[in-house]
Amino acid sequence: MLPCPFKYITGIDCPGCGFQRSVIALIQGDLHKSFLFYPPAIPLLIFFTYGITGSFFNLDTQNHFVKKTGFMIVGTIILVSYCLKLYNLDHKVSI
């Protein structure tokens, strides 16, 4: 596993921390564990897959609506997940 340089320098998780473990759990077939490690992993992988296949097969050529919408949805999921992680971390430390 690759170490997170942001976490190494600052001591707090970055918005992508847990993605590697989540993908490994997903490859092993454990969806629940994958979701617990990093909730945005599955939507992010779907978005990447659509983006890569879309560039090969010229999908979503008109105004890139699906890509923009997917980007906003996945970005929101990442942001909410990260805020909840930081909120829970803060409550564990202060209690």
C-alpha atoms as a PDB file:
ATOM      1  CA  MET A   1       0.000   0.000   0.000  1.00  0.00           C
ATOM      2  CA  LEU A   2       1.213   3.471  -0.854  1.00  0.00           C
ATOM      3  CA  PRO A   3       1.466   5.826   2.130  1.00  0.00           C
ATOM      4  CA  CYS A   4      -0.462   9.088   2.010  1.00  0.00           C
ATOM      5  CA  PRO A   5       1.965  12.049   1.916  1.00  0.00           C
ATOM      6  CA  PHE A   6      -0.734  14.457   3.150  1.00  0.00           C
ATOM      7  CA  LYS A   7      -1.415  12.315   6.215  1.00  0.00           C
ATOM      8  CA  TYR A   8       2.314  11.820   6.770  1.00  0.00           C
ATOM      9  CA  ILE A   9       2.947  15.581   6.809  1.00  0.00           C
ATOM     10  CA  THR A  10      -0.187  16.830   8.579  1.00  0.00           C
ATOM     11  CA  GLY A  11      -1.281  13.839  10.640  1.00  0.00           C
ATOM     12  CA  ILE A  12      -4.889  13.994   9.354  1.00  0.00           C
ATOM     13  CA  ASP A  13      -6.561  11.996   6.617  1.00  0.00           C
ATOM     14  CA  CYS A  14      -6.835  13.476   3.139  1.00  0.00           C
ATOM     15  CA  PRO A  15     -10.093  13.294   1.139  1.00  0.00           C
ATOM     16  CA  GLY A  16      -8.748  10.199  -0.653  1.00  0.00           C
ATOM     17  CA  CYS A  17      -7.502   8.228   2.338  1.00  0.00           C
ATOM     18  CA  GLY A  18      -9.028   4.762   2.331  1.00  0.00           C
ATOM     19  CA  PHE A  19      -9.438   4.514  -1.442  1.00  0.00           C
ATOM     20  CA  GLN A  20      -6.733   1.855  -1.883  1.00  0.00           C
ATOM     21  CA  ARG A  21      -8.127  -0.352   0.875  1.00  0.00           C
ATOM     22  CA  SER A  22     -11.629   0.152  -0.502  1.00  0.00           C
ATOM     23  CA  VAL A  23     -10.630  -0.961  -4.000  1.00  0.00           C
ATOM     24  CA  ILE A  24      -8.817  -4.000  -2.617  1.00  0.00           C
ATOM     25  CA  ALA A  25     -11.914  -4.966  -0.600  1.00  0.00           C
ATOM     26  CA  LEU A  26     -14.030  -4.430  -3.714  1.00  0.00           C
ATOM     27  CA  ILE A  27     -11.754  -6.701  -5.765  1.00  0.00           C
ATOM     28  CA  GLN A  28     -12.093  -9.326  -3.020  1.00  0.00           C
ATOM     29  CA  GLY A  29     -15.879  -9.018  -3.373  1.00  0.00           C
ATOM     30  CA  ASP A  30     -16.630  -7.425  -0.011  1.00  0.00           C
ATOM     31  CA  LEU A  31     -18.910  -4.476  -0.828  1.00  0.00           C
ATOM     32  CA  HIS A  32     -19.708  -3.675   2.795  1.00  0.00           C
ATOM     33  CA  LYS A  33     -16.056  -3.482   3.810  1.00  0.00           C
ATOM     34  CA  SER A  34     -15.301  -1.441   0.691  1.00  0.00           C
ATOM     35  CA  PHE A  35     -18.024   1.055   1.599  1.00  0.00           C
ATOM     36  CA  LEU A  36     -16.772   1.325   5.175  1.00  0.00           C
ATOM     37  CA  PHE A  37     -13.203   2.033   4.066  1.00  0.00           C
ATOM     38  CA  TYR A  38     -14.138   4.745   1.528  1.00  0.00           C
ATOM     39  CA  PRO A  39     -17.803   5.383   0.651  1.00  0.00           C
ATOM     40  CA  PRO A  40     -17.136   7.328  -2.597  1.00  0.00           C
ATOM     41  CA  ALA A  41     -15.017   4.518  -4.105  1.00  0.00           C
ATOM     42  CA  ILE A  42     -17.762   2.809  -6.115  1.00  0.00           C
ATOM     43  CA  PRO A  43     -19.276   6.025  -7.566  1.00  0.00           C
ATOM     44  CA  LEU A  44     -15.753   7.267  -8.320  1.00  0.00           C
ATOM     45  CA  LEU A  45     -14.831   4.051 -10.142  1.00  0.00           C
ATOM     46  CA  ILE A  46     -18.070   4.208 -12.139  1.00  0.00           C
ATOM     47  CA  PHE A  47     -17.317   7.824 -13.058  1.00  0.00           C
ATOM     48  CA  PHE A  48     -13.749   6.951 -14.142  1.00  0.00           C
ATOM     49  CA  THR A  49     -14.999   3.997 -16.180  1.00  0.00           C
ATOM     50  CA  TYR A  50     -17.590   6.159 -17.912  1.00  0.00           C
ATOM     51  CA  GLY A  51     -15.004   8.841 -18.610  1.00  0.00           C
ATOM     52  CA  ILE A  52     -12.529   6.399 -20.136  1.00  0.00           C
ATOM     53  CA  THR A  53     -15.096   4.525 -22.227  1.00  0.00           C
ATOM     54  CA  GLY A  54     -16.737   7.814 -23.183  1.00  0.00           C
ATOM     55  CA  SER A  55     -13.511   9.072 -24.698  1.00  0.00           C
ATOM     56  CA  PHE A  56     -13.081   5.894 -26.763  1.00  0.00           C
ATOM     57  CA  PHE A  57     -16.675   5.624 -27.977  1.00  0.00           C
ATOM     58  CA  ASN A  58     -17.526   9.351 -28.158  1.00  0.00           C
ATOM     59  CA  LEU A  59     -20.296   9.166 -25.575  1.00  0.00           C
ATOM     60  CA  ASP A  60     -21.815  12.358 -24.226  1.00  0.00           C
ATOM     61  CA  THR A  61     -20.533  14.550 -27.063  1.00  0.00           C
ATOM     62  CA  GLN A  62     -23.270  17.160 -26.749  1.00  0.00           C
ATOM     63  CA  ASN A  63     -22.335  19.655 -24.009  1.00  0.00           C
ATOM     64  CA  HIS A  64     -20.808  16.907 -21.765  1.00  0.00           C
ATOM     65  CA  PHE A  65     -23.898  16.961 -19.535  1.00  0.00           C
ATOM     66  CA  VAL A  66     -23.471  13.453 -18.130  1.00  0.00           C
ATOM     67  CA  LYS A  67     -19.779  13.992 -17.322  1.00  0.00           C
ATOM     68  CA  LYS A  68     -20.449  17.325 -15.621  1.00  0.00           C
ATOM     69  CA  THR A  69     -23.352  15.904 -13.633  1.00  0.00           C
ATOM     70  CA  GLY A  70     -21.339  12.833 -12.635  1.00  0.00           C
ATOM     71  CA  PHE A  71     -18.435  15.033 -11.598  1.00  0.00           C
ATOM     72  CA  MET A  72     -20.703  17.141  -9.385  1.00  0.00           C
ATOM     73  CA  ILE A  73     -22.353  14.087  -7.803  1.00  0.00           C
ATOM     74  CA  VAL A  74     -19.089  12.265  -7.096  1.00  0.00           C
ATOM     75  CA  GLY A  75     -17.459  15.467  -5.829  1.00  0.00           C
ATOM     76  CA  THR A  76     -20.355  16.036  -3.458  1.00  0.00           C
ATOM     77  CA  ILE A  77     -20.157  12.459  -2.172  1.00  0.00           C
ATOM     78  CA  ILE A  78     -16.408  12.857  -1.564  1.00  0.00           C
ATOM     79  CA  LEU A  79     -16.887  16.182   0.211  1.00  0.00           C
ATOM     80  CA  VAL A  80     -19.718  14.947   2.446  1.00  0.00           C
ATOM     81  CA  SER A  81     -17.823  11.740   3.260  1.00  0.00           C
ATOM     82  CA  TYR A  82     -14.685  13.699   4.158  1.00  0.00           C
ATOM     83  CA  CYS A  83     -16.601  16.173   6.332  1.00  0.00           C
ATOM     84  CA  LEU A  84     -18.298  13.306   8.182  1.00  0.00           C
ATOM     85  CA  LYS A  85     -14.927  11.599   8.671  1.00  0.00           C
ATOM     86  CA  LEU A  86     -13.422  14.768  10.116  1.00  0.00           C
ATOM     87  CA  TYR A  87     -16.511  15.388  12.273  1.00  0.00           C
ATOM     88  CA  ASN A  88     -16.382  11.860  13.713  1.00  0.00           C
ATOM     89  CA  LEU A  89     -12.635  12.130  14.238  1.00  0.00           C
ATOM     90  CA  ASP A  90     -13.111  15.412  16.092  1.00  0.00           C
ATOM     91  CA  HIS A  91     -15.761  13.876  18.363  1.00  0.00           C
ATOM     92  CA  LYS A  92     -13.576  10.860  19.151  1.00  0.00           C
ATOM     93  CA  VAL A  93     -10.673  13.107  20.141  1.00  0.00           C
ATOM     94  CA  SER A  94     -12.682  15.553  22.264  1.00  0.00           C
ATOM     95  CA  ILE A  95     -14.585  12.941  24.261  1.00  0.00           C
END
